[in-house]
Amino acid sequence: MQTPGHAVLNLALLSGGASSALVLPIVAGAVAPDVPIVVLYLREKYLRGLPDERIWSESYQRPFWLNLIHGAHSIPLTLLGALVFWALGLPALAAFFASALLHALGDLPVHAQDAHRHFLPFSHYRFISPLSYWDVRHHARIVALVEALLVIGAAGVLGSGASAVGRTVLAAVAAWYLVNYWKNFLR
């Protein structure tokens, strides 16, 4: 899944009836697992000047980056964090880790050859899905369309109770999904 979609879907799934104080931890937890990927890409693209092909085929494959990225997508670690902070009565941290857990669960079925090791530290197993959110060889046109429709629908539902700023951000994410789908799969 794409990072903005994680944020919108996680808000829709986790914020129902929750205090507005949990919105920021939910969004942060939804985005956090992809932060190492963004840092890697920006570093390699703009500081080192590497083309995209080399970033994904070489830089991304380095053990440091793979371990960091896959660790951030660990289902056992995020589940542990959510349970520990819930048991300690720290709802913001529990919401952060629950949202990171949903991120990992959302990625699990839509990563093919680029699958994460979702079961670290217990296993290095990678579930190679027949589906991908970006790779057309693995039904990305359909997967990305379903993702876009889910995110746009969730943004609409969330927008009804959001502030003006919240509605603007949700509308921007929905518009981004439409443009991105058109750019990547229709033109």
Protein backbone atom coordinates (compact mmCIF):
# COMPACT_ATOMS: atom_id res chain seq x y z
CA MET A 1 0.00 0.00 0.00
CA GLN A 2 1.00 3.58 -0.43
CA THR A 3 1.87 5.52 2.70
CA PRO A 4 -0.96 8.11 2.56
CA GLY A 5 -3.46 5.28 2.24
CA HIS A 6 -2.16 3.66 5.40
CA ALA A 7 -2.78 6.90 7.30
CA VAL A 8 -6.35 7.35 6.04
CA LEU A 9 -7.38 3.71 6.42
CA ASN A 10 -5.79 3.40 9.86
CA LEU A 11 -7.61 6.54 11.02
CA ALA A 12 -10.87 5.11 9.74
CA LEU A 13 -10.27 1.78 11.47
CA LEU A 14 -8.75 2.95 14.75
CA SER A 15 -10.21 6.36 15.54
CA GLY A 16 -13.89 5.43 15.77
CA GLY A 17 -15.09 6.89 19.05
CA ALA A 18 -11.51 7.57 20.10
CA SER A 19 -10.36 10.87 21.45
CA SER A 20 -8.92 13.37 18.99
CA ALA A 21 -5.73 13.09 21.03
CA LEU A 22 -5.18 9.74 19.33
CA VAL A 23 -5.35 11.07 15.76
CA LEU A 24 -1.70 12.13 15.65
CA PRO A 25 -0.34 8.85 17.14
CA ILE A 26 -2.50 6.85 14.69
CA VAL A 27 -1.22 8.85 11.71
CA ALA A 28 2.37 8.69 12.97
CA GLY A 29 2.14 4.91 13.47
CA ALA A 30 0.66 4.49 9.99
CA VAL A 31 3.52 6.42 8.39
CA ALA A 32 6.45 5.32 10.58
CA PRO A 33 7.16 1.94 8.93
CA ASP A 34 7.78 3.68 5.58
CA VAL A 35 10.03 6.44 6.96
CA PRO A 36 13.25 4.42 6.39
CA ILE A 37 12.24 3.87 2.75
CA VAL A 38 11.63 7.59 2.27
CA VAL A 39 14.94 8.49 3.94
CA LEU A 40 16.78 5.94 1.78
CA TYR A 41 15.18 7.21 -1.42
CA LEU A 42 15.77 10.92 -0.68
CA ARG A 43 19.37 10.26 0.40
CA GLU A 44 20.24 8.21 -2.66
CA LYS A 45 18.32 10.32 -5.18
CA TYR A 46 19.16 13.84 -4.04
CA LEU A 47 22.39 13.54 -2.09
CA ARG A 48 24.07 10.83 -4.17
CA GLY A 49 22.29 11.46 -7.48
CA LEU A 50 21.48 7.82 -8.18
CA PRO A 51 18.79 6.88 -10.70
CA ASP A 52 15.68 5.10 -9.40
CA GLU A 53 16.71 1.76 -10.90
CA ARG A 54 19.97 1.73 -8.92
CA ILE A 55 18.25 2.89 -5.73
CA TRP A 56 15.85 -0.07 -5.76
CA SER A 57 18.22 -2.69 -7.20
CA GLU A 58 21.34 -1.77 -5.18
CA SER A 59 20.87 0.68 -2.30
CA TYR A 60 17.58 -0.79 -1.09
CA GLN A 61 19.12 -4.28 -1.09
CA ARG A 62 21.92 -3.41 1.35
CA PRO A 63 21.59 -5.35 4.63
CA PHE A 64 21.39 -2.20 6.79
CA TRP A 65 18.42 -0.82 4.86
CA LEU A 66 16.66 -4.16 4.47
CA ASN A 67 16.95 -4.92 8.19
CA LEU A 68 15.70 -1.46 9.16
CA ILE A 69 12.81 -1.49 6.69
CA HIS A 70 11.77 -5.05 7.44
CA GLY A 71 12.09 -4.50 11.18
CA ALA A 72 9.78 -1.49 10.91
CA HIS A 73 7.22 -3.79 9.25
CA SER A 74 7.49 -6.54 11.89
CA ILE A 75 4.10 -7.86 12.97
CA PRO A 76 5.40 -9.42 16.24
CA LEU A 77 7.26 -6.25 17.27
CA THR A 78 4.39 -3.87 16.53
CA LEU A 79 1.91 -6.22 18.22
CA LEU A 80 4.17 -6.40 21.27
CA GLY A 81 4.44 -2.61 21.38
CA ALA A 82 0.65 -2.19 21.13
CA LEU A 83 0.00 -4.74 23.88
CA VAL A 84 2.68 -3.44 26.25
CA PHE A 85 1.56 0.19 25.99
CA TRP A 86 -2.11 -0.76 26.24
CA ALA A 87 -1.34 -2.78 29.41
CA LEU A 88 0.62 0.17 30.81
CA GLY A 89 -2.36 2.46 30.22
CA LEU A 90 -0.59 4.61 27.65
CA PRO A 91 -3.23 4.96 24.92
CA ALA A 92 -1.26 7.25 22.60
CA LEU A 93 1.68 4.82 22.39
CA ALA A 94 -0.69 1.85 22.12
CA ALA A 95 -2.47 3.62 19.23
CA PHE A 96 0.88 4.35 17.55
CA PHE A 97 1.93 0.68 17.64
CA ALA A 98 -1.56 -0.57 16.74
CA SER A 99 -1.43 1.68 13.68
CA ALA A 100 2.05 0.43 12.76
CA LEU A 101 0.67 -3.11 13.13
CA LEU A 102 -2.20 -2.30 10.75
CA HIS A 103 0.36 -0.87 8.31
CA ALA A 104 2.28 -4.16 8.33
CA LEU A 105 -0.93 -6.20 7.98
CA GLY A 106 -2.04 -3.97 5.10
CA ASP A 107 1.25 -4.45 3.27
CA LEU A 108 1.38 -8.22 3.74
CA PRO A 109 -1.07 -9.17 0.93
CA VAL A 110 0.09 -6.58 -1.63
CA HIS A 111 3.85 -7.05 -1.83
CA ALA A 112 5.09 -9.58 -4.36
CA GLN A 113 8.84 -9.75 -5.08
CA ASP A 114 9.39 -6.77 -2.77
CA ALA A 115 7.84 -8.53 0.26
CA HIS A 116 8.99 -7.56 3.72
CA ARG A 117 10.11 -10.02 6.40
CA HIS A 118 6.96 -9.39 8.44
CA PHE A 119 7.75 -11.96 11.12
CA LEU A 120 11.09 -10.64 12.38
CA PRO A 121 12.72 -11.40 14.79
CA PHE A 122 11.25 -14.91 14.80
CA SER A 123 11.57 -15.63 11.11
CA HIS A 124 13.13 -14.28 7.94
CA TYR A 125 10.20 -15.66 5.93
CA ARG A 126 8.85 -13.36 3.23
CA PHE A 127 5.29 -13.93 2.03
CA ILE A 128 5.55 -13.43 -1.74
CA SER A 129 2.02 -12.41 -2.59
CA PRO A 130 0.48 -13.00 -6.01
CA LEU A 131 -0.73 -9.38 -5.69
CA SER A 132 1.10 -6.09 -5.80
CA TYR A 133 -0.01 -2.50 -5.27
CA TRP A 134 2.48 -1.26 -7.90
CA ASP A 135 3.73 -4.12 -10.11
CA VAL A 136 1.42 -4.72 -13.09
CA ARG A 137 2.81 -8.25 -13.45
CA HIS A 138 1.00 -8.96 -10.18
CA HIS A 139 -2.40 -7.35 -10.90
CA ALA A 140 -1.45 -3.84 -9.75
CA ARG A 141 -4.07 -2.13 -11.88
CA ILE A 142 -6.83 -3.87 -9.95
CA VAL A 143 -5.10 -3.80 -6.55
CA ALA A 144 -4.28 -0.09 -6.85
CA LEU A 145 -7.84 0.68 -7.96
CA VAL A 146 -9.30 -1.16 -4.96
CA GLU A 147 -6.85 0.63 -2.67
CA ALA A 148 -7.72 4.01 -4.18
CA LEU A 149 -11.46 3.37 -3.81
CA LEU A 150 -11.04 2.25 -0.19
CA VAL A 151 -8.92 5.30 0.67
CA ILE A 152 -11.25 7.74 -1.09
CA GLY A 153 -14.26 6.16 0.64
CA ALA A 154 -12.56 6.27 4.04
CA ALA A 155 -11.53 9.90 3.42
CA GLY A 156 -15.16 10.74 2.67
CA VAL A 157 -16.37 9.10 5.87
CA LEU A 158 -13.65 10.72 7.98
CA GLY A 159 -14.20 14.08 6.32
CA SER A 160 -17.76 14.35 7.58
CA GLY A 161 -16.52 14.79 11.15
CA ALA A 162 -13.21 16.52 10.46
CA SER A 163 -12.15 20.12 10.84
CA ALA A 164 -11.62 22.29 7.78
CA VAL A 165 -7.91 21.47 7.85
CA GLY A 166 -8.67 17.76 8.21
CA ARG A 167 -11.12 17.85 5.29
CA THR A 168 -8.53 19.64 3.17
CA VAL A 169 -5.86 17.04 3.96
CA LEU A 170 -8.27 14.17 3.27
CA ALA A 171 -9.37 15.77 -0.01
CA ALA A 172 -5.71 16.22 -0.99
CA VAL A 173 -5.00 12.53 -0.30
CA ALA A 174 -8.07 11.48 -2.32
CA ALA A 175 -7.01 13.74 -5.22
CA TRP A 176 -3.45 12.42 -5.01
CA TYR A 177 -4.76 8.86 -5.34
CA LEU A 178 -6.79 9.77 -8.43
CA VAL A 179 -3.86 11.53 -10.11
CA ASN A 180 -1.41 8.79 -9.12
CA TYR A 181 -3.67 6.06 -10.48
CA TRP A 182 -4.14 7.90 -13.75
CA LYS A 183 -0.41 8.60 -14.06
CA ASN A 184 0.73 5.05 -13.23
CA PHE A 185 -1.96 2.88 -14.79
CA LEU A 186 -4.09 4.75 -17.31
CA ARG A 187 -1.92 6.99 -19.44
